[in-house]
Amino acid sequence: MRTNKLKITLVLTATLLIGFALGMLTSAQIRNAHIKKYQSFSSTDRFVYWTIHLIDPTPAQKEKILPVIRKFASENNELRQRYRDDFFSLMKDFKKELYPFLTPEQIRRLESFHHDRTGRKGTRPSQGKGSGKGPRHGSVPPPDPCPYR
């Protein structure tokens, strides 16, 4: 009787652990799929490549729409850069006003958290150039050099 209860408990525990692990993996895949959509427009070349790839224009269309796509790829890149510059300026001002009220330990924790999230002090790793860890599973990097320049 006691061994049956133990077996049932072990089976239920194992089932719960497997379900928990599968749920975490599924959640990570969904998050990565959403992030990948936005990263595909992280540089001018990728914007052009993915737009052409998604539209799949005829040769006649491609000739007409390529200047339009390049124009907006450039504007998109400038907008992203302005946002990045504004964000870093804001965070610099935030720290300048906040740090006088914090203890050295609180400042260290905040800096450590920021460093862990960005990989480098004060900056984020470039999404368009890769992290040096190799290609992500399921990602399709654009060919280099971009054929639509």
N, C-alpha and C. Protein backbone atom coordinates (compact mmCIF):
# COMPACT_ATOMS: atom_id res chain seq x y z
N MET A 1 0.83 -1.20 0.00
CA MET A 1 0.00 0.00 0.00
C MET A 1 0.87 1.26 0.00
N ARG A 2 1.88 1.24 0.84
CA ARG A 2 2.77 2.39 0.97
C ARG A 2 3.55 2.60 -0.32
N THR A 3 3.98 1.54 -0.99
CA THR A 3 4.74 1.67 -2.24
C THR A 3 3.86 2.21 -3.35
N ASN A 4 2.58 1.87 -3.34
CA ASN A 4 1.66 2.41 -4.35
C ASN A 4 1.51 3.93 -4.21
N LYS A 5 1.40 4.42 -2.98
CA LYS A 5 1.29 5.85 -2.74
C LYS A 5 2.57 6.55 -3.19
N LEU A 6 3.70 5.92 -2.91
CA LEU A 6 4.98 6.50 -3.31
C LEU A 6 5.09 6.57 -4.84
N LYS A 7 4.68 5.50 -5.52
CA LYS A 7 4.72 5.48 -6.99
C LYS A 7 3.81 6.57 -7.57
N ILE A 8 2.62 6.67 -7.02
CA ILE A 8 1.67 7.68 -7.50
C ILE A 8 2.23 9.08 -7.29
N THR A 9 2.81 9.32 -6.13
CA THR A 9 3.41 10.63 -5.83
C THR A 9 4.55 10.93 -6.80
N LEU A 10 5.40 9.96 -7.05
CA LEU A 10 6.52 10.16 -7.98
C LEU A 10 6.03 10.42 -9.41
N VAL A 11 5.02 9.69 -9.84
CA VAL A 11 4.48 9.89 -11.18
C VAL A 11 3.86 11.28 -11.31
N LEU A 12 3.09 11.68 -10.31
CA LEU A 12 2.49 13.02 -10.34
C LEU A 12 3.55 14.11 -10.31
N THR A 13 4.56 13.95 -9.48
CA THR A 13 5.63 14.94 -9.41
C THR A 13 6.37 15.02 -10.73
N ALA A 14 6.70 13.87 -11.30
CA ALA A 14 7.39 13.86 -12.59
C ALA A 14 6.54 14.51 -13.68
N THR A 15 5.24 14.24 -13.68
CA THR A 15 4.34 14.83 -14.66
C THR A 15 4.29 16.35 -14.51
N LEU A 16 4.21 16.81 -13.28
CA LEU A 16 4.20 18.25 -13.04
C LEU A 16 5.51 18.91 -13.48
N LEU A 17 6.63 18.27 -13.19
CA LEU A 17 7.93 18.83 -13.59
C LEU A 17 8.08 18.87 -15.11
N ILE A 18 7.64 17.82 -15.78
CA ILE A 18 7.70 17.78 -17.25
C ILE A 18 6.79 18.87 -17.83
N GLY A 19 5.60 19.01 -17.28
CA GLY A 19 4.67 20.05 -17.74
C GLY A 19 5.24 21.44 -17.52
N PHE A 20 5.87 21.66 -16.39
CA PHE A 20 6.49 22.95 -16.08
C PHE A 20 7.60 23.24 -17.08
N ALA A 21 8.45 22.27 -17.35
CA ALA A 21 9.55 22.46 -18.30
C ALA A 21 9.03 22.73 -19.71
N LEU A 22 8.03 21.98 -20.14
CA LEU A 22 7.46 22.20 -21.48
C LEU A 22 6.81 23.58 -21.57
N GLY A 23 6.15 24.00 -20.52
CA GLY A 23 5.55 25.33 -20.51
C GLY A 23 6.59 26.43 -20.62
N MET A 24 7.69 26.28 -19.92
CA MET A 24 8.76 27.28 -20.00
C MET A 24 9.35 27.32 -21.41
N LEU A 25 9.59 26.16 -22.00
CA LEU A 25 10.15 26.11 -23.35
C LEU A 25 9.20 26.73 -24.37
N THR A 26 7.93 26.43 -24.25
CA THR A 26 6.93 26.98 -25.16
C THR A 26 6.85 28.50 -25.03
N SER A 27 6.86 28.97 -23.80
CA SER A 27 6.81 30.41 -23.55
C SER A 27 8.03 31.10 -24.17
N ALA A 28 9.20 30.51 -24.00
CA ALA A 28 10.42 31.10 -24.57
C ALA A 28 10.35 31.14 -26.09
N GLN A 29 9.82 30.10 -26.71
CA GLN A 29 9.72 30.08 -28.17
C GLN A 29 8.75 31.15 -28.67
N ILE A 30 7.65 31.34 -27.97
CA ILE A 30 6.68 32.36 -28.37
C ILE A 30 7.30 33.76 -28.24
N ARG A 31 8.00 33.99 -27.14
CA ARG A 31 8.69 35.28 -26.95
C ARG A 31 9.72 35.52 -28.03
N ASN A 32 10.52 34.52 -28.33
CA ASN A 32 11.55 34.67 -29.35
C ASN A 32 10.95 34.94 -30.72
N ALA A 33 9.83 34.31 -31.02
CA ALA A 33 9.18 34.55 -32.31
C ALA A 33 8.71 36.00 -32.43
N HIS A 34 8.17 36.55 -31.35
CA HIS A 34 7.72 37.95 -31.36
C HIS A 34 8.91 38.90 -31.48
N ILE A 35 9.97 38.61 -30.76
CA ILE A 35 11.16 39.46 -30.82
C ILE A 35 11.78 39.42 -32.20
N LYS A 36 11.81 38.25 -32.80
CA LYS A 36 12.42 38.09 -34.11
C LYS A 36 11.73 38.94 -35.17
N LYS A 37 10.42 39.11 -35.05
CA LYS A 37 9.69 39.96 -36.00
C LYS A 37 10.25 41.38 -36.01
N TYR A 38 10.50 41.91 -34.81
CA TYR A 38 10.96 43.28 -34.71
C TYR A 38 12.45 43.42 -35.01
N GLN A 39 13.23 42.39 -34.71
CA GLN A 39 14.65 42.44 -35.00
C GLN A 39 14.92 42.38 -36.49
N SER A 40 13.98 41.86 -37.26
CA SER A 40 14.21 41.76 -38.70
C SER A 40 14.29 43.15 -39.34
N PHE A 41 13.88 44.18 -38.63
CA PHE A 41 13.95 45.55 -39.14
C PHE A 41 15.00 46.37 -38.39
N SER A 42 15.99 45.69 -37.79
CA SER A 42 16.96 46.38 -36.94
C SER A 42 18.08 47.09 -37.68
N SER A 43 18.21 46.87 -38.97
CA SER A 43 19.21 47.61 -39.74
C SER A 43 18.60 47.92 -41.11
N THR A 44 19.24 48.84 -41.81
CA THR A 44 18.73 49.24 -43.13
C THR A 44 18.70 48.05 -44.08
N ASP A 45 19.80 47.29 -44.12
CA ASP A 45 19.85 46.14 -45.03
C ASP A 45 18.79 45.09 -44.71
N ARG A 46 18.60 44.83 -43.42
CA ARG A 46 17.59 43.84 -43.04
C ARG A 46 16.18 44.34 -43.36
N PHE A 47 15.93 45.61 -43.17
CA PHE A 47 14.63 46.18 -43.50
C PHE A 47 14.34 45.97 -44.99
N VAL A 48 15.31 46.29 -45.84
CA VAL A 48 15.14 46.12 -47.28
C VAL A 48 14.95 44.65 -47.61
N TYR A 49 15.82 43.81 -47.07
CA TYR A 49 15.75 42.37 -47.39
C TYR A 49 14.40 41.77 -47.00
N TRP A 50 13.97 41.99 -45.76
CA TRP A 50 12.74 41.37 -45.29
C TRP A 50 11.50 41.95 -45.97
N THR A 51 11.53 43.23 -46.28
CA THR A 51 10.38 43.80 -46.98
C THR A 51 10.26 43.18 -48.36
N ILE A 52 11.37 43.09 -49.07
CA ILE A 52 11.35 42.44 -50.40
C ILE A 52 10.95 40.98 -50.26
N HIS A 53 11.49 40.32 -49.26
CA HIS A 53 11.18 38.90 -49.03
C HIS A 53 9.69 38.69 -48.75
N LEU A 54 9.09 39.57 -47.95
CA LEU A 54 7.68 39.44 -47.61
C LEU A 54 6.76 39.78 -48.78
N ILE A 55 7.12 40.83 -49.51
CA ILE A 55 6.27 41.25 -50.63
C ILE A 55 6.39 40.30 -51.81
N ASP A 56 7.61 39.82 -52.07
CA ASP A 56 7.90 38.95 -53.21
C ASP A 56 7.42 39.60 -54.51
N PRO A 57 7.99 40.78 -54.83
CA PRO A 57 7.50 41.51 -56.01
C PRO A 57 8.01 40.90 -57.32
N THR A 58 7.32 41.24 -58.36
CA THR A 58 7.78 40.87 -59.70
C THR A 58 8.99 41.75 -60.02
N PRO A 59 9.80 41.38 -61.02
CA PRO A 59 10.96 42.23 -61.37
C PRO A 59 10.56 43.67 -61.71
N ALA A 60 9.43 43.84 -62.39
CA ALA A 60 8.98 45.19 -62.73
C ALA A 60 8.60 45.97 -61.46
N GLN A 61 7.93 45.31 -60.53
CA GLN A 61 7.55 45.96 -59.27
C GLN A 61 8.79 46.30 -58.45
N LYS A 62 9.73 45.36 -58.41
CA LYS A 62 10.94 45.55 -57.60
C LYS A 62 11.68 46.81 -58.02
N GLU A 63 11.76 47.04 -59.32
CA GLU A 63 12.45 48.21 -59.84
C GLU A 63 11.79 49.50 -59.35
N LYS A 64 10.46 49.49 -59.24
CA LYS A 64 9.72 50.69 -58.82
C LYS A 64 9.69 50.88 -57.32
N ILE A 65 9.60 49.79 -56.58
CA ILE A 65 9.41 49.92 -55.13
C ILE A 65 10.72 49.94 -54.34
N LEU A 66 11.81 49.50 -54.92
CA LEU A 66 13.08 49.48 -54.20
C LEU A 66 13.51 50.86 -53.70
N PRO A 67 13.38 51.93 -54.49
CA PRO A 67 13.73 53.26 -53.95
C PRO A 67 12.85 53.67 -52.76
N VAL A 68 11.57 53.30 -52.81
CA VAL A 68 10.66 53.63 -51.71
C VAL A 68 11.07 52.86 -50.45
N ILE A 69 11.35 51.59 -50.61
CA ILE A 69 11.74 50.76 -49.46
C ILE A 69 13.05 51.27 -48.87
N ARG A 70 14.01 51.61 -49.71
CA ARG A 70 15.29 52.12 -49.22
C ARG A 70 15.11 53.44 -48.46
N LYS A 71 14.24 54.30 -48.97
CA LYS A 71 13.97 55.58 -48.31
C LYS A 71 13.44 55.35 -46.89
N PHE A 72 12.45 54.48 -46.76
CA PHE A 72 11.86 54.25 -45.45
C PHE A 72 12.75 53.40 -44.56
N ALA A 73 13.60 52.58 -45.15
CA ALA A 73 14.58 51.83 -44.36
C ALA A 73 15.55 52.81 -43.69
N SER A 74 15.96 53.81 -44.45
CA SER A 74 16.86 54.82 -43.91
C SER A 74 16.18 55.63 -42.81
N GLU A 75 14.93 56.04 -43.05
CA GLU A 75 14.19 56.81 -42.03
C GLU A 75 13.95 55.98 -40.77
N ASN A 76 13.66 54.69 -40.96
CA ASN A 76 13.47 53.79 -39.82
C ASN A 76 14.75 53.69 -39.00
N ASN A 77 15.87 53.58 -39.69
CA ASN A 77 17.16 53.47 -39.01
C ASN A 77 17.47 54.74 -38.23
N GLU A 78 17.21 55.90 -38.82
CA GLU A 78 17.44 57.18 -38.14
C GLU A 78 16.55 57.32 -36.91
N LEU A 79 15.29 56.90 -37.03
CA LEU A 79 14.36 56.96 -35.90
C LEU A 79 14.85 56.07 -34.76
N ARG A 80 15.28 54.88 -35.09
CA ARG A 80 15.78 53.96 -34.05
C ARG A 80 17.01 54.55 -33.36
N GLN A 81 17.90 55.19 -34.12
CA GLN A 81 19.10 55.77 -33.54
C GLN A 81 18.76 56.95 -32.63
N ARG A 82 17.81 57.80 -33.07
CA ARG A 82 17.39 58.92 -32.23
C ARG A 82 16.79 58.42 -30.92
N TYR A 83 15.96 57.39 -31.02
CA TYR A 83 15.35 56.82 -29.81
C TYR A 83 16.44 56.31 -28.87
N ARG A 84 17.39 55.58 -29.41
CA ARG A 84 18.48 55.02 -28.60
C ARG A 84 19.25 56.14 -27.91
N ASP A 85 19.61 57.18 -28.67
CA ASP A 85 20.36 58.30 -28.09
C ASP A 85 19.55 58.99 -27.00
N ASP A 86 18.28 59.24 -27.26
CA ASP A 86 17.41 59.88 -26.26
C ASP A 86 17.27 59.02 -25.01
N PHE A 87 17.14 57.72 -25.19
CA PHE A 87 16.98 56.81 -24.06
C PHE A 87 18.23 56.83 -23.18
N PHE A 88 19.41 56.74 -23.78
CA PHE A 88 20.64 56.74 -22.99
C PHE A 88 20.85 58.07 -22.29
N SER A 89 20.47 59.16 -22.93
CA SER A 89 20.57 60.47 -22.31
C SER A 89 19.63 60.55 -21.10
N LEU A 90 18.42 60.05 -21.27
CA LEU A 90 17.45 60.04 -20.17
C LEU A 90 17.96 59.20 -19.00
N MET A 91 18.52 58.03 -19.28
CA MET A 91 19.01 57.17 -18.22
C MET A 91 20.21 57.80 -17.50
N LYS A 92 21.04 58.52 -18.23
CA LYS A 92 22.17 59.21 -17.62
C LYS A 92 21.66 60.28 -16.65
N ASP A 93 20.66 61.05 -17.08
CA ASP A 93 20.06 62.08 -16.21
C ASP A 93 19.37 61.44 -15.01
N PHE A 94 18.70 60.32 -15.22
CA PHE A 94 18.02 59.60 -14.15
C PHE A 94 19.02 59.21 -13.06
N LYS A 95 20.13 58.62 -13.47
CA LYS A 95 21.14 58.19 -12.50
C LYS A 95 21.75 59.39 -11.78
N LYS A 96 21.97 60.46 -12.52
CA LYS A 96 22.58 61.66 -11.95
C LYS A 96 21.71 62.22 -10.81
N GLU A 97 20.39 62.17 -10.98
CA GLU A 97 19.49 62.69 -9.94
C GLU A 97 19.19 61.67 -8.85
N LEU A 98 19.22 60.38 -9.20
CA LEU A 98 18.84 59.34 -8.24
C LEU A 98 19.99 58.96 -7.31
N TYR A 99 21.20 58.82 -7.84
CA TYR A 99 22.33 58.29 -7.08
C TYR A 99 22.65 59.05 -5.79
N PRO A 100 22.49 60.37 -5.72
CA PRO A 100 22.80 61.05 -4.45
C PRO A 100 21.95 60.56 -3.27
N PHE A 101 20.80 59.96 -3.54
CA PHE A 101 19.91 59.49 -2.48
C PHE A 101 20.14 58.03 -2.11
N LEU A 102 20.98 57.33 -2.85
CA LEU A 102 21.17 55.90 -2.65
C LEU A 102 22.45 55.60 -1.87
N THR A 103 22.44 54.44 -1.20
CA THR A 103 23.65 53.97 -0.52
C THR A 103 24.58 53.35 -1.57
N PRO A 104 25.86 53.21 -1.25
CA PRO A 104 26.77 52.55 -2.20
C PRO A 104 26.31 51.14 -2.58
N GLU A 105 25.71 50.42 -1.64
CA GLU A 105 25.21 49.07 -1.93
C GLU A 105 24.04 49.12 -2.92
N GLN A 106 23.16 50.07 -2.76
CA GLN A 106 22.03 50.21 -3.70
C GLN A 106 22.53 50.59 -5.09
N ILE A 107 23.50 51.47 -5.16
CA ILE A 107 24.07 51.84 -6.46
C ILE A 107 24.73 50.63 -7.11
N ARG A 108 25.48 49.85 -6.31
CA ARG A 108 26.13 48.65 -6.85
C ARG A 108 25.11 47.66 -7.40
N ARG A 109 24.00 47.46 -6.66
CA ARG A 109 22.97 46.53 -7.14
C ARG A 109 22.34 47.02 -8.44
N LEU A 110 22.07 48.32 -8.51
CA LEU A 110 21.48 48.89 -9.72
C LEU A 110 22.43 48.76 -10.90
N GLU A 111 23.71 49.06 -10.68
CA GLU A 111 24.71 48.93 -11.75
C GLU A 111 24.88 47.48 -12.17
N SER A 112 24.87 46.57 -11.21
CA SER A 112 25.01 45.15 -11.50
C SER A 112 23.83 44.66 -12.33
N PHE A 113 22.63 45.07 -11.97
CA PHE A 113 21.44 44.69 -12.72
C PHE A 113 21.53 45.22 -14.14
N HIS A 114 21.91 46.49 -14.27
CA HIS A 114 22.01 47.10 -15.60
C HIS A 114 23.09 46.41 -16.42
N HIS A 115 24.21 46.08 -15.81
CA HIS A 115 25.30 45.42 -16.53
C HIS A 115 24.87 44.01 -16.97
N ASP A 116 24.15 43.30 -16.11
CA ASP A 116 23.68 41.95 -16.46
C ASP A 116 22.70 41.97 -17.63
N ARG A 117 21.86 42.99 -17.70
CA ARG A 117 20.86 43.07 -18.77
C ARG A 117 21.46 43.48 -20.10
N THR A 118 22.51 44.29 -20.08
CA THR A 118 23.04 44.82 -21.32
C THR A 118 24.26 44.09 -21.83
N GLY A 119 24.96 43.42 -20.98
CA GLY A 119 26.17 42.73 -21.40
C GLY A 119 27.40 43.63 -21.32
N ARG A 120 27.21 44.93 -21.39
CA ARG A 120 28.31 45.89 -21.28
C ARG A 120 27.80 47.06 -20.46
N LYS A 121 28.71 47.70 -19.80
CA LYS A 121 28.30 48.83 -18.96
C LYS A 121 27.79 49.98 -19.82
N GLY A 122 26.51 50.31 -19.65
CA GLY A 122 25.94 51.48 -20.29
C GLY A 122 25.43 51.30 -21.70
N THR A 123 25.60 50.15 -22.30
CA THR A 123 25.13 49.96 -23.67
C THR A 123 24.47 48.61 -23.81
N ARG A 124 23.67 48.48 -24.83
CA ARG A 124 23.06 47.19 -25.15
C ARG A 124 23.86 46.55 -26.26
N PRO A 125 23.96 45.22 -26.28
CA PRO A 125 24.63 44.58 -27.39
C PRO A 125 23.87 44.88 -28.68
N SER A 126 24.59 45.08 -29.75
CA SER A 126 23.95 45.39 -31.03
C SER A 126 23.16 44.19 -31.51
N GLN A 127 21.89 44.41 -31.82
CA GLN A 127 21.05 43.31 -32.29
C GLN A 127 21.31 43.01 -33.75
N GLY A 128 21.76 43.98 -34.49
CA GLY A 128 21.96 43.78 -35.91
C GLY A 128 23.25 43.07 -36.26
N LYS A 129 24.21 43.04 -35.33
CA LYS A 129 25.51 42.48 -35.64
C LYS A 129 25.74 41.14 -34.97
N GLY A 130 24.82 40.65 -34.19
CA GLY A 130 24.97 39.35 -33.55
C GLY A 130 25.69 39.47 -32.23
N SER A 131 25.61 38.41 -31.45
CA SER A 131 26.21 38.42 -30.13
C SER A 131 27.45 37.56 -30.08
N GLY A 132 27.84 36.95 -31.20
CA GLY A 132 29.00 36.09 -31.21
C GLY A 132 28.70 34.68 -30.77
N LYS A 133 27.45 34.37 -30.50
CA LYS A 133 27.07 33.05 -30.04
C LYS A 133 26.62 32.16 -31.19
N GLY A 134 26.66 32.66 -32.41
CA GLY A 134 26.22 31.87 -33.55
C GLY A 134 24.77 32.16 -33.86
N PRO A 135 24.27 31.57 -34.95
CA PRO A 135 22.89 31.85 -35.33
C PRO A 135 21.90 31.26 -34.34
N ARG A 136 20.79 31.93 -34.19
CA ARG A 136 19.73 31.43 -33.32
C ARG A 136 18.97 30.35 -34.05
N HIS A 137 18.47 29.41 -33.26
CA HIS A 137 17.69 28.32 -33.84
C HIS A 137 16.44 28.87 -34.50
N GLY A 138 16.23 28.50 -35.75
CA GLY A 138 15.02 28.92 -36.46
C GLY A 138 15.13 30.27 -37.12
N SER A 139 16.26 30.97 -36.95
CA SER A 139 16.38 32.28 -37.58
C SER A 139 16.93 32.13 -38.98
N VAL A 140 16.53 33.04 -39.83
CA VAL A 140 17.00 33.04 -41.20
C VAL A 140 17.72 34.36 -41.43
N PRO A 141 19.06 34.36 -41.31
CA PRO A 141 19.75 35.63 -41.49
C PRO A 141 19.74 36.05 -42.94
N PRO A 142 19.69 37.34 -43.19
CA PRO A 142 19.72 37.79 -44.58
C PRO A 142 21.08 37.50 -45.19
N PRO A 143 21.13 37.25 -46.48
CA PRO A 143 22.41 36.99 -47.10
C PRO A 143 23.30 38.22 -47.03
N ASP A 144 24.59 37.97 -47.00
CA ASP A 144 25.51 39.09 -46.93
C ASP A 144 26.49 38.96 -48.08
N PRO A 145 26.67 39.87 -48.94
CA PRO A 145 26.06 41.19 -48.92
C PRO A 145 24.63 41.15 -49.40
N CYS A 146 23.87 42.14 -48.99
CA CYS A 146 22.45 42.24 -49.36
C CYS A 146 22.32 42.44 -50.86
N PRO A 147 21.55 41.61 -51.55
CA PRO A 147 21.43 41.73 -53.01
C PRO A 147 20.58 42.91 -53.46
N TYR A 148 19.96 43.63 -52.52
CA TYR A 148 19.03 44.70 -52.89
C TYR A 148 19.61 46.09 -52.64
N ARG A 149 20.91 46.21 -52.59
CA ARG A 149 21.54 47.52 -52.35
C ARG A 149 21.50 48.36 -53.59
